[in-house]
Amino acid sequence: MILKTTALILSASAVALAASPTFSKDVAPILQKNCQSCHRPGEAAPFSLLNYQSARPWAASIKEAVQARRMPPWFADPHFGKFANDRSMSQGEIDTLLAWVNNGAPEGNPKDLPVPIQFVNGWNIGKPDLVVTMPQKYDIPEKGTVDYQYLLIPLNFTEDKWIQAAEVRPGNLELVHHVIAYIRPPGSNWMKGAQPGIPYRPGKGDNGPSENLVGYAPGTPVDPLPEGRGKLVKAGSDIILQLHYTANGKAGTDQSSVGMIFAKGTVKERVMTVAATTNKFVIPPGDPNFEVRSSFEFGADTKVSMLMPHMHLRGKDFTFTAVYPTGEREVLLSVPKYDFAWQLIYKPAKELIMPKGSRFECVAHYDNSPNNPFNPDPKAEVRYGDQSWEEMMFGFFDVAIDADKDLRSILPQRRPEPKPAALE
């Protein structure tokens, strides 16, 4: 009986090994689900995976990347939190890709191919209702540091608009490091000296940006809002583009665009991006594990739908922890190996409800040692700054509040400063 059972197991294993996965039947569906949003013409990935002819030359690279779990990029520790946009492949998907490569990467029968995804050329959000483009190209030098550029673009809205989806399309993928599109509401003093379409550097007297509409950085996915939610752009508002260029030895130009899709139904909840952040830190030269902390206290019950850590080249790890009014602590997101090349967002599978008086505590560590291969200068003392060779510490998150509620309602109430004792 034992011999018979063993024979059946060996026979089944032989059949499984003989059934080599093919691109058409087994691999293409995995690439559609996990890879093609970036690996297609016009996107940030360096090669296309839309069909067998474009994917086959990269079979060995695919094997190496998925086996090391570098692709698709996903850095959340699976022990903390569940995420609706988890991009990591299952072990079964990884095994299928490895078996396909190890067996010669066969094409199979093209009739087995899944129906192709119909991407909108140039846009991941679909066809925009409005596209705003830099009026002139910006010249980027072949070398040197390019200061952040700010560009004012009037929207000329005569009525309030709710934006359900927005996307930045960089005009030069090789030289654009990031773009952030801010909403400047009417009456704001931020960049009051700026002229439309002319690059501008805010001075110390300028007030800071008001609200983030959308941003672009390599690896940042587009994130359309669900029905009933939107970002508010009031009548008379302007768009301010923050543009960061990185010279790479070859001069070029950029003319980036922002696409917007307006909400079609009634918007019940307004979405805004806020942050637990600090700029008060100094990272010593050579320090391999410097810690920086920030926090944000909620002044009202608040829904949180997205978490996003942000640091620069010395960023090592990042953790979001919720501390509830009861004193209970919960790790919401742990990123043990932060990668500056991939600015990912993490959307909790179940929306977070943060009661009034609870807070986010964020902890980041930085590697300023020679062991960090991306470290611009291990001998430098590092402070907060815009450039990649400086550092930042942001725990970004999206909040959803009633459409008619003021954002200030969720901010912590400032306690009055104690009065100094009278001098004798």
Protein backbone atom coordinates (compact mmCIF):
# COMPACT_ATOMS: atom_id res chain seq x y z
CA MET A 1 0.00 0.00 0.00
CA ILE A 2 2.85 2.34 0.91
CA LEU A 3 4.66 1.57 -2.36
CA LYS A 4 1.48 2.24 -4.34
CA THR A 5 0.94 5.59 -2.60
CA THR A 6 4.56 6.58 -3.20
CA ALA A 7 4.23 5.66 -6.87
CA LEU A 8 1.14 7.86 -7.21
CA ILE A 9 2.93 10.83 -5.60
CA LEU A 10 5.97 10.43 -7.88
CA SER A 11 3.67 10.12 -10.91
CA ALA A 12 1.80 13.31 -9.98
CA SER A 13 5.10 15.18 -9.47
CA ALA A 14 6.33 14.05 -12.87
CA VAL A 15 3.15 15.32 -14.52
CA ALA A 16 3.50 18.68 -12.74
CA LEU A 17 7.14 19.05 -13.80
CA ALA A 18 6.28 18.08 -17.36
CA ALA A 19 3.59 20.74 -17.57
CA SER A 20 5.91 23.70 -18.21
CA PRO A 21 4.23 27.11 -17.84
CA THR A 22 3.92 29.11 -21.03
CA PHE A 23 3.87 32.85 -21.53
CA SER A 24 0.45 32.90 -23.19
CA LYS A 25 -1.42 30.79 -20.66
CA ASP A 26 0.41 31.27 -17.36
CA VAL A 27 2.83 34.21 -17.41
CA ALA A 28 0.88 36.93 -19.25
CA PRO A 29 -1.92 37.07 -16.61
CA ILE A 30 0.69 37.54 -13.87
CA LEU A 31 2.39 40.35 -15.79
CA GLN A 32 -0.96 42.03 -16.43
CA LYS A 33 -1.81 41.99 -12.73
CA ASN A 34 1.56 43.00 -11.33
CA CYS A 35 3.82 44.60 -13.92
CA GLN A 36 2.27 46.16 -17.02
CA SER A 37 1.07 49.36 -15.37
CA CYS A 38 4.75 50.44 -15.30
CA HIS A 39 6.36 48.09 -17.85
CA ARG A 40 4.90 49.53 -21.05
CA PRO A 41 5.93 52.21 -23.54
CA GLY A 42 5.93 55.74 -22.16
CA GLU A 43 6.12 54.71 -18.49
CA ALA A 44 8.98 54.80 -16.00
CA ALA A 45 10.05 51.15 -16.29
CA PRO A 46 13.00 50.54 -18.64
CA PHE A 47 11.34 47.88 -20.84
CA SER A 48 7.90 46.67 -21.89
CA LEU A 49 6.17 43.46 -20.77
CA LEU A 50 3.03 43.84 -22.87
CA ASN A 51 3.73 40.85 -25.11
CA TYR A 52 5.98 37.83 -25.54
CA GLN A 53 8.30 39.50 -28.04
CA SER A 54 9.14 42.34 -25.64
CA ALA A 55 9.27 40.18 -22.50
CA ARG A 56 11.32 37.19 -23.72
CA PRO A 57 14.71 39.01 -23.89
CA TRP A 58 14.29 39.95 -20.22
CA ALA A 59 13.48 36.46 -18.92
CA ALA A 60 16.68 36.15 -16.86
CA SER A 61 16.18 39.61 -15.35
CA ILE A 62 12.58 38.77 -14.49
CA LYS A 63 13.74 35.62 -12.70
CA GLU A 64 16.36 37.48 -10.68
CA ALA A 65 14.03 40.32 -9.71
CA VAL A 66 11.07 38.23 -8.57
CA GLN A 67 13.24 35.65 -6.83
CA ALA A 68 14.85 38.43 -4.78
CA ARG A 69 11.37 39.99 -4.30
CA ARG A 70 12.65 43.30 -5.67
CA MET A 71 9.81 43.34 -8.17
CA PRO A 72 7.08 44.31 -7.98
CA PRO A 73 8.33 46.88 -5.45
CA TRP A 74 6.58 46.48 -2.09
CA PHE A 75 8.35 47.18 1.19
CA ALA A 76 5.75 46.75 3.94
CA ASP A 77 6.56 44.20 6.64
CA PRO A 78 3.77 41.57 6.30
CA HIS A 79 3.64 41.19 10.10
CA PHE A 80 2.02 44.63 10.49
CA GLY A 81 -1.18 45.64 8.75
CA LYS A 82 -2.99 44.48 5.64
CA PHE A 83 -3.11 46.69 2.56
CA ALA A 84 -5.61 46.91 -0.28
CA ASN A 85 -2.90 47.83 -2.80
CA ASP A 86 -0.38 45.15 -1.78
CA ARG A 87 1.78 44.75 -4.90
CA SER A 88 3.77 41.75 -3.70
CA MET A 89 3.46 38.53 -5.71
CA SER A 90 2.15 35.34 -4.15
CA GLN A 91 4.56 32.42 -3.83
CA GLY A 92 2.56 30.62 -6.49
CA GLU A 93 3.03 33.48 -8.95
CA ILE A 94 6.75 33.60 -8.22
CA ASP A 95 7.07 29.82 -8.68
CA THR A 96 5.25 30.04 -12.02
CA LEU A 97 7.59 32.73 -13.35
CA LEU A 98 10.69 30.86 -12.17
CA ALA A 99 9.49 27.60 -13.75
CA TRP A 100 8.76 29.43 -17.02
CA VAL A 101 12.28 30.88 -17.19
CA ASN A 102 13.96 27.65 -16.07
CA ASN A 103 12.17 25.73 -18.83
CA GLY A 104 13.34 28.02 -21.61
CA ALA A 105 10.63 30.71 -21.41
CA PRO A 106 8.30 29.16 -24.02
CA GLU A 107 5.63 31.26 -25.72
CA GLY A 108 2.87 28.65 -25.87
CA ASN A 109 -0.30 29.07 -27.88
CA PRO A 110 -1.21 32.73 -28.53
CA LYS A 111 -4.88 31.70 -28.36
CA ASP A 112 -4.38 31.22 -24.60
CA LEU A 113 -3.51 34.89 -24.06
CA PRO A 114 -5.81 36.92 -21.76
CA VAL A 115 -7.70 39.89 -23.15
CA PRO A 116 -5.21 42.81 -23.22
CA ILE A 117 -5.68 45.65 -20.77
CA GLN A 118 -6.81 48.78 -22.59
CA PHE A 119 -4.49 51.45 -21.23
CA VAL A 120 -5.20 55.08 -22.09
CA ASN A 121 -2.15 56.31 -23.96
CA GLY A 122 -0.26 58.73 -21.77
CA TRP A 123 -2.57 58.57 -18.74
CA ASN A 124 -3.14 56.02 -16.00
CA ILE A 125 -6.27 57.72 -14.64
CA GLY A 126 -8.12 57.47 -17.96
CA LYS A 127 -8.94 60.37 -20.26
CA PRO A 128 -8.70 63.59 -18.22
CA ASP A 129 -11.46 66.20 -18.21
CA LEU A 130 -8.80 68.90 -17.97
CA VAL A 131 -5.08 68.94 -18.76
CA VAL A 132 -2.87 71.75 -17.45
CA THR A 133 0.58 71.99 -19.06
CA MET A 134 3.61 74.14 -18.36
CA PRO A 135 3.30 76.97 -20.90
CA GLN A 136 7.00 76.83 -21.79
CA LYS A 137 9.74 74.20 -21.73
CA TYR A 138 12.22 74.41 -18.89
CA ASP A 139 15.92 74.00 -19.77
CA ILE A 140 17.82 71.56 -17.55
CA PRO A 141 21.65 71.77 -17.60
CA GLU A 142 23.86 68.74 -18.14
CA LYS A 143 25.42 69.00 -14.68
CA GLY A 144 25.20 70.81 -11.37
CA THR A 145 22.47 71.18 -8.76
CA VAL A 146 19.16 72.54 -10.01
CA ASP A 147 17.25 74.41 -7.31
CA TYR A 148 13.58 73.58 -6.89
CA GLN A 149 11.52 75.51 -9.42
CA TYR A 150 7.98 76.74 -8.68
CA LEU A 151 5.53 77.55 -11.45
CA LEU A 152 2.19 79.33 -11.13
CA ILE A 153 -0.57 78.22 -13.51
CA PRO A 154 -4.00 79.92 -13.16
CA LEU A 155 -6.97 77.55 -13.46
CA ASN A 156 -9.60 80.25 -14.05
CA PHE A 157 -12.34 78.20 -12.40
CA THR A 158 -15.46 80.31 -11.92
CA GLU A 159 -17.02 77.73 -9.60
CA ASP A 160 -15.75 75.20 -7.07
CA LYS A 161 -14.59 71.87 -8.55
CA TRP A 162 -14.22 68.46 -6.96
CA ILE A 163 -11.36 66.36 -8.33
CA GLN A 164 -11.80 62.58 -8.17
CA ALA A 165 -8.54 61.67 -9.92
CA ALA A 166 -5.39 63.56 -10.86
CA GLU A 167 -2.07 62.61 -12.37
CA VAL A 168 1.23 64.31 -13.17
CA ARG A 169 2.83 63.32 -16.47
CA PRO A 170 6.50 64.37 -16.49
CA GLY A 171 7.76 65.72 -19.78
CA ASN A 172 11.20 64.17 -19.31
CA LEU A 173 11.36 60.90 -17.36
CA GLU A 174 15.16 60.92 -17.26
CA LEU A 175 15.57 64.38 -15.72
CA VAL A 176 12.40 64.90 -13.65
CA HIS A 177 13.03 63.77 -10.09
CA HIS A 178 9.60 64.73 -8.80
CA VAL A 179 6.70 67.09 -9.37
CA ILE A 180 4.12 68.16 -6.79
CA ALA A 181 0.99 70.01 -7.87
CA TYR A 182 -0.33 72.22 -5.07
CA ILE A 183 -3.66 74.02 -4.91
CA ARG A 184 -3.30 77.71 -4.05
CA PRO A 185 -6.72 78.97 -2.94
CA PRO A 186 -7.89 82.51 -3.67
CA GLY A 187 -6.52 85.06 -1.22
CA SER A 188 -3.39 83.06 -0.38
CA ASN A 189 -0.17 85.04 0.06
CA TRP A 190 2.00 82.09 -0.97
CA MET A 191 4.14 83.11 -3.96
CA LYS A 192 2.24 86.38 -4.28
CA GLY A 193 5.12 87.78 -6.33
CA ALA A 194 5.04 84.99 -8.91
CA GLN A 195 4.06 85.67 -12.52
CA PRO A 196 2.05 82.99 -14.38
CA GLY A 197 4.26 80.58 -16.32
CA ILE A 198 7.56 82.05 -15.09
CA PRO A 199 9.75 79.92 -12.76
CA TYR A 200 9.86 81.41 -9.27
CA ARG A 201 11.77 80.82 -6.02
CA PRO A 202 9.67 81.56 -2.90
CA GLY A 203 11.33 83.84 -0.39
CA LYS A 204 11.41 83.50 3.37
CA GLY A 205 8.41 85.79 3.68
CA ASP A 206 6.21 83.58 1.52
CA ASN A 207 3.63 81.45 3.28
CA GLY A 208 3.92 77.72 2.63
CA PRO A 209 1.78 75.64 0.26
CA SER A 210 -1.88 75.12 1.02
CA GLU A 211 -2.93 71.70 -0.23
CA ASN A 212 -1.43 68.85 -2.22
CA LEU A 213 -3.46 67.91 -5.31
CA VAL A 214 -1.20 65.20 -6.73
CA GLY A 215 2.47 64.31 -7.01
CA TYR A 216 4.83 62.35 -9.21
CA ALA A 217 8.01 60.50 -8.25
CA PRO A 218 9.38 57.25 -9.69
CA GLY A 219 7.26 54.39 -8.41
CA THR A 220 4.40 56.50 -7.08
CA PRO A 221 1.15 54.97 -8.37
CA VAL A 222 -1.86 57.03 -9.37
CA ASP A 223 -4.63 56.80 -6.80
CA PRO A 224 -8.13 57.76 -8.00
CA LEU A 225 -10.57 58.40 -5.17
CA PRO A 226 -13.70 56.27 -4.72
CA GLU A 227 -17.13 57.60 -5.64
CA GLY A 228 -18.39 60.15 -3.14
CA ARG A 229 -14.95 61.52 -2.32
CA GLY A 230 -12.91 64.30 -3.90
CA LYS A 231 -10.28 66.98 -3.48
CA LEU A 232 -11.68 70.49 -3.46
CA VAL A 233 -10.41 73.19 -5.82
CA LYS A 234 -12.19 76.42 -5.01
CA ALA A 235 -13.15 78.97 -7.65
CA GLY A 236 -10.26 81.33 -8.34
CA SER A 237 -7.60 78.83 -7.26
CA ASP A 238 -4.26 78.38 -8.99
CA ILE A 239 -2.00 75.38 -9.47
CA ILE A 240 1.55 75.71 -8.16
CA LEU A 241 3.99 73.15 -9.57
CA GLN A 242 7.02 72.28 -7.48
CA LEU A 243 9.58 70.91 -9.94
CA HIS A 244 12.72 69.05 -8.96
CA TYR A 245 15.19 68.21 -11.72
CA THR A 246 18.30 66.04 -11.47
CA ALA A 247 21.11 66.67 -13.95
CA ASN A 248 22.53 63.42 -15.36
CA GLY A 249 25.31 64.58 -17.70
CA LYS A 250 23.02 65.29 -20.64
CA ALA A 251 21.15 68.57 -21.00
CA GLY A 252 17.46 68.44 -21.79
CA THR A 253 14.08 70.13 -21.43
CA ASP A 254 10.87 69.43 -19.56
CA GLN A 255 7.26 70.44 -20.10
CA SER A 256 5.20 68.47 -17.58
CA SER A 257 1.41 68.26 -17.40
CA VAL A 258 -1.30 67.62 -14.81
CA GLY A 259 -4.48 65.80 -15.79
CA MET A 260 -7.69 65.97 -13.75
CA ILE A 261 -10.96 64.06 -13.74
CA PHE A 262 -13.89 65.84 -12.09
CA ALA A 263 -16.20 64.02 -9.70
CA LYS A 264 -19.43 63.17 -11.48
CA GLY A 265 -21.72 62.54 -8.50
CA THR A 266 -22.28 64.19 -5.14
CA VAL A 267 -19.12 64.49 -3.06
CA LYS A 268 -19.81 63.73 0.57
CA GLU A 269 -16.25 63.59 1.89
CA ARG A 270 -13.27 65.82 1.24
CA VAL A 271 -9.84 64.15 1.03
CA MET A 272 -6.69 65.98 2.05
CA THR A 273 -3.05 64.98 2.56
CA VAL A 274 -1.42 65.94 5.86
CA ALA A 275 1.73 64.75 7.61
CA ALA A 276 3.49 63.94 10.83
CA THR A 277 6.77 65.72 10.16
CA THR A 278 9.76 67.50 11.62
CA ASN A 279 12.70 69.43 10.23
CA LYS A 280 14.57 69.66 13.53
CA PHE A 281 17.30 67.07 13.24
CA VAL A 282 21.02 66.87 12.55
CA ILE A 283 22.43 63.52 11.39
CA PRO A 284 26.07 63.13 12.51
CA PRO A 285 28.74 62.07 10.00
CA GLY A 286 29.11 58.30 9.74
CA ASP A 287 26.10 57.47 11.94
CA PRO A 288 24.62 54.14 10.69
CA ASN A 289 21.30 54.30 12.57
CA PHE A 290 20.26 57.85 13.46
CA GLU A 291 16.71 58.11 14.79
CA VAL A 292 14.19 60.90 14.08
CA ARG A 293 10.64 61.02 15.49
CA SER A 294 7.52 62.99 14.58
CA SER A 295 3.88 62.88 15.66
CA PHE A 296 0.41 64.13 14.79
CA GLU A 297 -2.51 64.34 17.23
CA PHE A 298 -6.08 64.15 15.92
CA GLY A 299 -8.41 66.89 17.18
CA ALA A 300 -11.54 65.02 16.02
CA ASP A 301 -12.58 61.54 14.96
CA THR A 302 -10.94 61.10 11.55
CA LYS A 303 -10.84 58.55 8.74
CA VAL A 304 -7.38 57.73 7.33
CA SER A 305 -7.15 56.01 3.94
CA MET A 306 -3.45 56.14 2.97
CA LEU A 307 0.01 56.12 4.57
CA MET A 308 3.24 57.17 2.88
CA PRO A 309 6.72 57.48 4.39
CA HIS A 310 9.14 59.89 2.73
CA MET A 311 12.88 60.30 3.26
CA HIS A 312 15.87 60.76 0.97
CA LEU A 313 18.99 58.75 0.13
CA ARG A 314 20.02 58.06 3.73
CA GLY A 315 16.55 56.78 4.66
CA LYS A 316 16.81 53.32 6.21
CA ASP A 317 13.45 52.37 7.76
CA PHE A 318 10.15 53.97 8.75
CA THR A 319 7.30 53.03 11.10
CA PHE A 320 3.79 54.42 11.63
CA THR A 321 2.33 53.64 15.08
CA ALA A 322 -1.16 54.61 16.26
CA VAL A 323 -1.50 55.55 19.93
CA TYR A 324 -5.14 55.54 21.01
CA PRO A 325 -6.74 57.54 23.87
CA THR A 326 -6.85 54.31 25.90
CA GLY A 327 -3.05 54.12 25.73
CA GLU A 328 -3.14 51.12 23.39
CA ARG A 329 -0.45 51.15 20.70
CA GLU A 330 -0.72 49.56 17.24
CA VAL A 331 1.92 49.41 14.51
CA LEU A 332 0.05 50.33 11.33
CA LEU A 333 2.94 50.20 8.86
CA SER A 334 6.55 49.10 9.10
CA VAL A 335 8.92 49.62 6.19
CA PRO A 336 12.14 47.88 7.32
CA LYS A 337 14.03 48.56 4.08
CA TYR A 338 13.11 51.99 2.75
CA ASP A 339 14.01 52.59 -0.90
CA PHE A 340 14.19 56.20 -2.10
CA ALA A 341 13.83 55.04 -5.72
CA TRP A 342 10.26 53.86 -5.04
CA GLN A 343 7.90 56.36 -3.43
CA LEU A 344 5.10 53.96 -2.55
CA ILE A 345 1.75 54.57 -0.88
CA TYR A 346 0.15 52.04 1.46
CA LYS A 347 -3.66 51.84 1.61
CA PRO A 348 -4.99 49.96 4.66
CA ALA A 349 -7.37 47.14 3.69
CA LYS A 350 -9.79 48.55 6.26
CA GLU A 351 -9.93 52.31 6.55
CA LEU A 352 -8.43 53.54 9.80
CA ILE A 353 -10.70 55.35 12.24
CA MET A 354 -8.62 57.57 14.49
CA PRO A 355 -10.60 58.76 17.54
CA LYS A 356 -10.21 62.29 18.82
CA GLY A 357 -7.12 62.50 21.02
CA SER A 358 -5.32 59.61 19.33
CA ARG A 359 -2.09 60.27 17.50
CA PHE A 360 0.32 58.96 14.91
CA GLU A 361 3.87 58.44 16.06
CA CYS A 362 6.40 58.07 13.25
CA VAL A 363 9.94 56.80 13.73
CA ALA A 364 12.58 56.94 11.00
CA HIS A 365 16.19 55.79 10.93
CA TYR A 366 18.95 57.06 8.65
CA ASP A 367 22.18 55.42 7.53
CA ASN A 368 24.85 58.08 7.07
CA SER A 369 27.68 55.54 7.11
CA PRO A 370 30.02 54.42 4.31
CA ASN A 371 28.09 51.11 4.27
CA ASN A 372 25.12 52.86 2.65
CA PRO A 373 25.82 52.52 -1.11
CA PHE A 374 23.50 55.46 -1.87
CA ASN A 375 25.06 57.84 0.67
CA PRO A 376 26.20 61.03 -1.12
CA ASP A 377 28.80 61.83 1.56
CA PRO A 378 29.31 59.79 4.79
CA LYS A 379 31.53 62.58 6.17
CA ALA A 380 28.79 65.20 5.97
CA GLU A 381 26.59 66.44 8.79
CA VAL A 382 23.08 66.22 7.33
CA ARG A 383 20.13 68.52 8.01
CA TYR A 384 16.66 69.01 6.59
CA GLY A 385 16.60 70.27 3.00
CA ASP A 386 15.00 69.99 -0.42
CA GLN A 387 17.84 68.33 -2.29
CA SER A 388 18.37 64.56 -2.35
CA TRP A 389 21.75 64.93 -0.64
CA GLU A 390 19.93 66.59 2.27
CA GLU A 391 17.18 64.81 4.23
CA MET A 392 13.47 64.89 4.99
CA MET A 393 11.19 63.14 7.46
CA PHE A 394 7.53 63.00 6.44
CA GLY A 395 4.85 60.56 7.48
CA PHE A 396 2.21 61.55 4.92
CA PHE A 397 -1.37 60.32 5.23
CA ASP A 398 -4.73 61.02 3.59
CA VAL A 399 -7.72 62.02 5.71
CA ALA A 400 -11.37 62.01 4.70
CA ILE A 401 -13.65 64.53 6.41
CA ASP A 402 -17.22 65.68 5.79
CA ALA A 403 -17.27 67.84 2.65
CA ASP A 404 -18.49 70.88 4.57
CA LYS A 405 -16.06 70.51 7.47
CA ASP A 406 -12.97 72.68 7.96
CA LEU A 407 -9.65 70.82 8.01
CA ARG A 408 -8.72 72.74 11.15
CA SER A 409 -11.32 70.69 13.03
CA ILE A 410 -9.08 67.62 12.96
CA LEU A 411 -5.94 69.45 13.98
CA PRO A 412 -4.90 69.26 17.63
CA GLN A 413 -6.13 72.09 19.78
CA ARG A 414 -3.25 74.25 20.89
CA ARG A 415 -3.04 74.49 24.64
CA PRO A 416 -2.38 78.01 26.00
CA GLU A 417 1.18 78.63 27.07
CA PRO A 418 1.55 79.02 30.84
CA LYS A 419 2.02 82.63 31.91
CA PRO A 420 5.42 83.38 33.40
CA ALA A 421 5.44 84.07 37.12
CA ALA A 422 5.50 87.73 38.01
CA LEU A 423 8.94 89.04 38.86
CA GLU A 424 9.44 89.87 42.50
